[in-house]
Amino acid sequence: MRVTMRVAVALVGLFNVVLGLGFLFDPVELAARFALSPIGTQGLATIRADFPAFFLTGGVFALVGAWRADSKPLLVPLVLLGVALTGRFVSIAIDGMVATTLPPMIAEALMIVVVLLARRVFLKAIY
């Protein structure tokens, strides 16, 4: 189970690293995929700064946790994904739902479940 969770968390980490690098090096394409529209140079700079910060940080800490089979680094992607999912629920409450509302929520929830399960498995290995 430990090896399976290491692989699953590594996949979560790689997915987020790829997204982060995409926002860094191709912000126009990734912004469009996320229904964002940067306004001018400053908008592109914001997308290149904020989105890679979120995705690369979460992805790198997930990879570190997977590599070491350590539960502590997994707190970072858990907090980031938890805040993102919470923001989506707030958006539903304020703005309502559209056809594109659920897929990213499902992806975030699945990543949270994977990381939580891995934390549990990694913690059990210590004791």
N, C-alpha and C. Protein backbone atom coordinates (compact mmCIF):
# COMPACT_ATOMS: atom_id res chain seq x y z
N MET A 1 0.83 -1.20 0.00
CA MET A 1 0.00 0.00 0.00
C MET A 1 0.87 1.26 0.00
N ARG A 2 1.97 1.19 0.72
CA ARG A 2 2.87 2.35 0.81
C ARG A 2 3.42 2.74 -0.57
N VAL A 3 3.82 1.76 -1.35
CA VAL A 3 4.34 2.04 -2.69
C VAL A 3 3.24 2.61 -3.58
N THR A 4 2.06 2.05 -3.48
CA THR A 4 0.92 2.56 -4.26
C THR A 4 0.65 4.01 -3.93
N MET A 5 0.67 4.36 -2.66
CA MET A 5 0.39 5.74 -2.26
C MET A 5 1.52 6.67 -2.68
N ARG A 6 2.74 6.18 -2.65
CA ARG A 6 3.86 7.01 -3.12
C ARG A 6 3.68 7.35 -4.60
N VAL A 7 3.28 6.36 -5.38
CA VAL A 7 3.06 6.56 -6.82
C VAL A 7 1.88 7.51 -7.04
N ALA A 8 0.79 7.30 -6.32
CA ALA A 8 -0.40 8.14 -6.48
C ALA A 8 -0.10 9.60 -6.12
N VAL A 9 0.61 9.81 -5.03
CA VAL A 9 0.95 11.19 -4.63
C VAL A 9 1.94 11.79 -5.62
N ALA A 10 2.86 10.98 -6.13
CA ALA A 10 3.79 11.49 -7.14
C ALA A 10 3.03 11.93 -8.40
N LEU A 11 2.00 11.19 -8.78
CA LEU A 11 1.19 11.59 -9.94
C LEU A 11 0.46 12.91 -9.67
N VAL A 12 -0.06 13.06 -8.46
CA VAL A 12 -0.69 14.34 -8.09
C VAL A 12 0.35 15.45 -8.19
N GLY A 13 1.54 15.19 -7.66
CA GLY A 13 2.59 16.20 -7.71
C GLY A 13 2.99 16.55 -9.13
N LEU A 14 3.19 15.54 -9.97
CA LEU A 14 3.57 15.80 -11.36
C LEU A 14 2.50 16.56 -12.12
N PHE A 15 1.26 16.19 -11.90
CA PHE A 15 0.14 16.90 -12.53
C PHE A 15 0.19 18.39 -12.19
N ASN A 16 0.41 18.69 -10.92
CA ASN A 16 0.44 20.08 -10.49
C ASN A 16 1.70 20.81 -10.98
N VAL A 17 2.82 20.13 -11.02
CA VAL A 17 4.05 20.74 -11.55
C VAL A 17 3.87 21.07 -13.03
N VAL A 18 3.28 20.16 -13.79
CA VAL A 18 3.05 20.42 -15.21
C VAL A 18 2.12 21.62 -15.39
N LEU A 19 1.06 21.70 -14.59
CA LEU A 19 0.18 22.88 -14.67
C LEU A 19 0.94 24.16 -14.32
N GLY A 20 1.73 24.10 -13.26
CA GLY A 20 2.49 25.28 -12.85
C GLY A 20 3.45 25.73 -13.93
N LEU A 21 4.16 24.80 -14.55
CA LEU A 21 5.08 25.16 -15.63
C LEU A 21 4.33 25.69 -16.85
N GLY A 22 3.16 25.11 -17.10
CA GLY A 22 2.34 25.62 -18.20
C GLY A 22 1.94 27.07 -17.99
N PHE A 23 1.52 27.40 -16.77
CA PHE A 23 1.16 28.79 -16.47
C PHE A 23 2.38 29.71 -16.55
N LEU A 24 3.54 29.19 -16.24
CA LEU A 24 4.75 30.00 -16.28
C LEU A 24 5.19 30.28 -17.71
N PHE A 25 5.18 29.26 -18.55
CA PHE A 25 5.75 29.39 -19.90
C PHE A 25 4.72 29.58 -21.01
N ASP A 26 3.47 29.27 -20.77
CA ASP A 26 2.42 29.47 -21.78
C ASP A 26 1.15 29.97 -21.09
N PRO A 27 1.23 31.16 -20.47
CA PRO A 27 0.10 31.63 -19.67
C PRO A 27 -1.17 31.88 -20.47
N VAL A 28 -1.05 32.27 -21.73
CA VAL A 28 -2.24 32.54 -22.53
C VAL A 28 -3.04 31.27 -22.74
N GLU A 29 -2.37 30.18 -23.11
CA GLU A 29 -3.05 28.90 -23.35
C GLU A 29 -3.67 28.35 -22.06
N LEU A 30 -2.88 28.34 -20.99
CA LEU A 30 -3.40 27.77 -19.74
C LEU A 30 -4.50 28.65 -19.15
N ALA A 31 -4.36 29.95 -19.28
CA ALA A 31 -5.40 30.86 -18.78
C ALA A 31 -6.72 30.56 -19.50
N ALA A 32 -6.66 30.38 -20.80
CA ALA A 32 -7.87 30.07 -21.56
C ALA A 32 -8.50 28.76 -21.10
N ARG A 33 -7.68 27.75 -20.80
CA ARG A 33 -8.20 26.47 -20.33
C ARG A 33 -8.87 26.60 -18.96
N PHE A 34 -8.45 27.60 -18.19
CA PHE A 34 -9.01 27.82 -16.86
C PHE A 34 -10.04 28.96 -16.85
N ALA A 35 -10.50 29.34 -18.03
CA ALA A 35 -11.51 30.39 -18.19
C ALA A 35 -11.05 31.72 -17.63
N LEU A 36 -9.77 32.01 -17.82
CA LEU A 36 -9.20 33.29 -17.38
C LEU A 36 -8.83 34.12 -18.59
N SER A 37 -8.88 35.42 -18.43
CA SER A 37 -8.51 36.32 -19.51
C SER A 37 -7.59 37.40 -18.95
N PRO A 38 -6.27 37.26 -19.18
CA PRO A 38 -5.35 38.26 -18.66
C PRO A 38 -5.53 39.59 -19.39
N ILE A 39 -5.41 40.66 -18.64
CA ILE A 39 -5.52 41.99 -19.23
C ILE A 39 -4.12 42.57 -19.34
N GLY A 40 -3.58 42.57 -20.54
CA GLY A 40 -2.29 43.18 -20.80
C GLY A 40 -1.11 42.47 -20.16
N THR A 41 0.00 43.18 -20.17
CA THR A 41 1.25 42.64 -19.65
C THR A 41 1.16 42.33 -18.16
N GLN A 42 0.51 43.20 -17.41
CA GLN A 42 0.39 42.95 -15.97
C GLN A 42 -0.49 41.74 -15.68
N GLY A 43 -1.52 41.53 -16.48
CA GLY A 43 -2.36 40.35 -16.31
C GLY A 43 -1.57 39.07 -16.57
N LEU A 44 -0.74 39.09 -17.63
CA LEU A 44 0.11 37.94 -17.91
C LEU A 44 1.12 37.72 -16.79
N ALA A 45 1.68 38.80 -16.28
CA ALA A 45 2.65 38.69 -15.18
C ALA A 45 1.98 38.10 -13.94
N THR A 46 0.77 38.50 -13.67
CA THR A 46 0.04 37.96 -12.52
C THR A 46 -0.21 36.47 -12.69
N ILE A 47 -0.62 36.07 -13.89
CA ILE A 47 -0.84 34.64 -14.15
C ILE A 47 0.47 33.87 -14.04
N ARG A 48 1.56 34.45 -14.56
CA ARG A 48 2.86 33.79 -14.47
C ARG A 48 3.38 33.71 -13.04
N ALA A 49 2.93 34.60 -12.19
CA ALA A 49 3.40 34.60 -10.80
C ALA A 49 2.52 33.76 -9.90
N ASP A 50 1.24 34.05 -9.88
CA ASP A 50 0.34 33.46 -8.88
C ASP A 50 0.01 32.00 -9.15
N PHE A 51 -0.28 31.65 -10.38
CA PHE A 51 -0.67 30.27 -10.67
C PHE A 51 0.50 29.29 -10.54
N PRO A 52 1.69 29.62 -11.07
CA PRO A 52 2.82 28.72 -10.80
C PRO A 52 3.13 28.64 -9.31
N ALA A 53 2.97 29.73 -8.58
CA ALA A 53 3.21 29.68 -7.14
C ALA A 53 2.32 28.63 -6.49
N PHE A 54 1.06 28.63 -6.84
CA PHE A 54 0.11 27.66 -6.28
C PHE A 54 0.46 26.24 -6.73
N PHE A 55 0.51 26.02 -8.04
CA PHE A 55 0.66 24.67 -8.56
C PHE A 55 2.06 24.09 -8.34
N LEU A 56 3.10 24.89 -8.53
CA LEU A 56 4.46 24.37 -8.32
C LEU A 56 4.73 24.09 -6.85
N THR A 57 4.26 24.96 -5.97
CA THR A 57 4.47 24.72 -4.54
C THR A 57 3.77 23.44 -4.10
N GLY A 58 2.50 23.31 -4.43
CA GLY A 58 1.77 22.10 -4.07
C GLY A 58 2.38 20.87 -4.71
N GLY A 59 2.75 20.97 -5.97
CA GLY A 59 3.32 19.83 -6.68
C GLY A 59 4.66 19.40 -6.13
N VAL A 60 5.53 20.36 -5.86
CA VAL A 60 6.86 20.02 -5.33
C VAL A 60 6.74 19.39 -3.95
N PHE A 61 5.90 19.94 -3.09
CA PHE A 61 5.74 19.35 -1.76
C PHE A 61 5.11 17.96 -1.83
N ALA A 62 4.21 17.74 -2.78
CA ALA A 62 3.65 16.40 -2.97
C ALA A 62 4.74 15.44 -3.43
N LEU A 63 5.59 15.88 -4.34
CA LEU A 63 6.68 15.03 -4.81
C LEU A 63 7.67 14.72 -3.69
N VAL A 64 7.98 15.70 -2.87
CA VAL A 64 8.88 15.47 -1.74
C VAL A 64 8.26 14.45 -0.78
N GLY A 65 6.98 14.63 -0.49
CA GLY A 65 6.29 13.68 0.39
C GLY A 65 6.28 12.28 -0.20
N ALA A 66 6.06 12.17 -1.50
CA ALA A 66 6.05 10.86 -2.16
C ALA A 66 7.45 10.25 -2.14
N TRP A 67 8.44 11.02 -2.46
CA TRP A 67 9.81 10.53 -2.52
C TRP A 67 10.27 10.00 -1.17
N ARG A 68 9.96 10.75 -0.12
CA ARG A 68 10.40 10.38 1.23
C ARG A 68 9.41 9.48 1.96
N ALA A 69 8.23 9.29 1.39
CA ALA A 69 7.12 8.61 2.09
C ALA A 69 6.90 9.30 3.43
N ASP A 70 6.85 10.62 3.38
CA ASP A 70 6.75 11.45 4.58
C ASP A 70 5.44 12.23 4.55
N SER A 71 4.71 12.17 5.65
CA SER A 71 3.41 12.83 5.71
C SER A 71 3.51 14.35 5.87
N LYS A 72 4.59 14.82 6.44
CA LYS A 72 4.68 16.26 6.75
C LYS A 72 4.62 17.17 5.51
N PRO A 73 5.40 16.91 4.47
CA PRO A 73 5.31 17.78 3.29
C PRO A 73 3.93 17.78 2.63
N LEU A 74 3.16 16.73 2.87
CA LEU A 74 1.84 16.63 2.24
C LEU A 74 0.84 17.62 2.82
N LEU A 75 1.17 18.23 3.95
CA LEU A 75 0.29 19.26 4.51
C LEU A 75 0.17 20.46 3.56
N VAL A 76 1.23 20.76 2.85
CA VAL A 76 1.20 21.92 1.94
C VAL A 76 0.18 21.73 0.82
N PRO A 77 0.25 20.64 0.03
CA PRO A 77 -0.78 20.49 -1.00
C PRO A 77 -2.18 20.33 -0.41
N LEU A 78 -2.28 19.74 0.77
CA LEU A 78 -3.61 19.61 1.40
C LEU A 78 -4.21 20.98 1.70
N VAL A 79 -3.42 21.86 2.26
CA VAL A 79 -3.92 23.20 2.57
C VAL A 79 -4.27 23.95 1.29
N LEU A 80 -3.37 23.92 0.32
CA LEU A 80 -3.63 24.62 -0.94
C LEU A 80 -4.90 24.11 -1.62
N LEU A 81 -5.01 22.79 -1.74
CA LEU A 81 -6.19 22.22 -2.40
C LEU A 81 -7.46 22.46 -1.58
N GLY A 82 -7.33 22.40 -0.26
CA GLY A 82 -8.49 22.66 0.60
C GLY A 82 -9.00 24.08 0.46
N VAL A 83 -8.08 25.03 0.40
CA VAL A 83 -8.48 26.43 0.22
C VAL A 83 -9.10 26.63 -1.16
N ALA A 84 -8.52 26.00 -2.18
CA ALA A 84 -9.08 26.12 -3.53
C ALA A 84 -10.49 25.54 -3.60
N LEU A 85 -10.68 24.37 -3.01
CA LEU A 85 -12.01 23.75 -3.02
C LEU A 85 -13.01 24.59 -2.23
N THR A 86 -12.57 25.14 -1.13
CA THR A 86 -13.44 26.03 -0.34
C THR A 86 -13.86 27.24 -1.17
N GLY A 87 -12.90 27.81 -1.91
CA GLY A 87 -13.21 28.95 -2.78
C GLY A 87 -14.25 28.59 -3.82
N ARG A 88 -14.19 27.38 -4.32
CA ARG A 88 -15.18 26.95 -5.31
C ARG A 88 -16.57 26.83 -4.69
N PHE A 89 -16.64 26.34 -3.46
CA PHE A 89 -17.93 26.27 -2.77
C PHE A 89 -18.49 27.66 -2.51
N VAL A 90 -17.63 28.58 -2.13
CA VAL A 90 -18.06 29.98 -1.92
C VAL A 90 -18.58 30.54 -3.24
N SER A 91 -17.89 30.25 -4.32
CA SER A 91 -18.33 30.73 -5.63
C SER A 91 -19.70 30.18 -6.00
N ILE A 92 -19.94 28.90 -5.71
CA ILE A 92 -21.25 28.32 -5.97
C ILE A 92 -22.32 29.06 -5.16
N ALA A 93 -22.01 29.32 -3.90
CA ALA A 93 -22.98 30.00 -3.03
C ALA A 93 -23.29 31.40 -3.52
N ILE A 94 -22.28 32.09 -4.03
CA ILE A 94 -22.47 33.49 -4.44
C ILE A 94 -22.92 33.60 -5.90
N ASP A 95 -22.30 32.81 -6.78
CA ASP A 95 -22.52 32.97 -8.22
C ASP A 95 -23.39 31.88 -8.85
N GLY A 96 -23.59 30.78 -8.13
CA GLY A 96 -24.35 29.66 -8.70
C GLY A 96 -23.45 28.71 -9.47
N MET A 97 -24.08 27.71 -10.06
CA MET A 97 -23.36 26.68 -10.80
C MET A 97 -23.59 26.80 -12.28
N VAL A 98 -22.59 26.39 -13.04
CA VAL A 98 -22.71 26.26 -14.49
C VAL A 98 -22.18 24.88 -14.86
N ALA A 99 -22.21 24.54 -16.12
CA ALA A 99 -21.81 23.20 -16.58
C ALA A 99 -20.35 22.89 -16.24
N THR A 100 -19.52 23.92 -16.16
CA THR A 100 -18.09 23.70 -15.92
C THR A 100 -17.71 23.76 -14.45
N THR A 101 -18.68 23.85 -13.57
CA THR A 101 -18.38 24.00 -12.14
C THR A 101 -17.79 22.74 -11.53
N LEU A 102 -18.37 21.59 -11.80
CA LEU A 102 -18.00 20.38 -11.07
C LEU A 102 -16.67 19.72 -11.44
N PRO A 103 -16.26 19.67 -12.71
CA PRO A 103 -15.02 18.94 -13.02
C PRO A 103 -13.79 19.38 -12.21
N PRO A 104 -13.51 20.68 -12.09
CA PRO A 104 -12.33 21.02 -11.27
C PRO A 104 -12.52 20.70 -9.80
N MET A 105 -13.75 20.78 -9.32
CA MET A 105 -14.02 20.44 -7.91
C MET A 105 -13.77 18.95 -7.68
N ILE A 106 -14.17 18.14 -8.62
CA ILE A 106 -13.96 16.69 -8.51
C ILE A 106 -12.46 16.39 -8.52
N ALA A 107 -11.73 17.04 -9.43
CA ALA A 107 -10.28 16.83 -9.50
C ALA A 107 -9.61 17.22 -8.19
N GLU A 108 -9.98 18.37 -7.64
CA GLU A 108 -9.39 18.81 -6.37
C GLU A 108 -9.76 17.87 -5.23
N ALA A 109 -11.01 17.44 -5.19
CA ALA A 109 -11.45 16.53 -4.14
C ALA A 109 -10.71 15.19 -4.23
N LEU A 110 -10.53 14.69 -5.45
CA LEU A 110 -9.79 13.43 -5.62
C LEU A 110 -8.34 13.56 -5.18
N MET A 111 -7.72 14.69 -5.52
CA MET A 111 -6.34 14.90 -5.09
C MET A 111 -6.26 14.99 -3.57
N ILE A 112 -7.23 15.64 -2.95
CA ILE A 112 -7.26 15.73 -1.49
C ILE A 112 -7.38 14.33 -0.89
N VAL A 113 -8.26 13.51 -1.44
CA VAL A 113 -8.44 12.14 -0.93
C VAL A 113 -7.14 11.34 -1.06
N VAL A 114 -6.50 11.43 -2.21
CA VAL A 114 -5.23 10.71 -2.42
C VAL A 114 -4.19 11.14 -1.40
N VAL A 115 -4.04 12.45 -1.24
CA VAL A 115 -3.01 12.96 -0.32
C VAL A 115 -3.36 12.60 1.13
N LEU A 116 -4.62 12.68 1.50
CA LEU A 116 -5.03 12.29 2.86
C LEU A 116 -4.76 10.80 3.12
N LEU A 117 -5.10 9.96 2.16
CA LEU A 117 -4.83 8.53 2.32
C LEU A 117 -3.33 8.27 2.43
N ALA A 118 -2.56 8.96 1.62
CA ALA A 118 -1.11 8.79 1.68
C ALA A 118 -0.57 9.23 3.04
N ARG A 119 -1.06 10.34 3.56
CA ARG A 119 -0.62 10.77 4.89
C ARG A 119 -0.90 9.70 5.92
N ARG A 120 -2.05 9.10 5.83
CA ARG A 120 -2.42 8.05 6.79
C ARG A 120 -1.49 6.85 6.67
N VAL A 121 -1.23 6.43 5.43
CA VAL A 121 -0.34 5.29 5.21
C VAL A 121 1.08 5.63 5.67
N PHE A 122 1.56 6.82 5.34
CA PHE A 122 2.93 7.19 5.71
C PHE A 122 3.07 7.33 7.22
N LEU A 123 2.02 7.83 7.89
CA LEU A 123 2.07 7.95 9.35
C LEU A 123 2.09 6.59 10.02
N LYS A 124 1.33 5.64 9.50
CA LYS A 124 1.29 4.29 10.07
C LYS A 124 2.65 3.61 9.96
N ALA A 125 3.38 3.92 8.90
CA ALA A 125 4.69 3.30 8.70
C ALA A 125 5.69 3.74 9.77
N ILE A 126 5.45 4.90 10.37
CA ILE A 126 6.34 5.42 11.40
C ILE A 126 6.16 4.67 12.71
N TYR A 127 4.90 4.33 13.01
CA TYR A 127 4.61 3.73 14.33
C TYR A 127 4.58 2.26 14.29
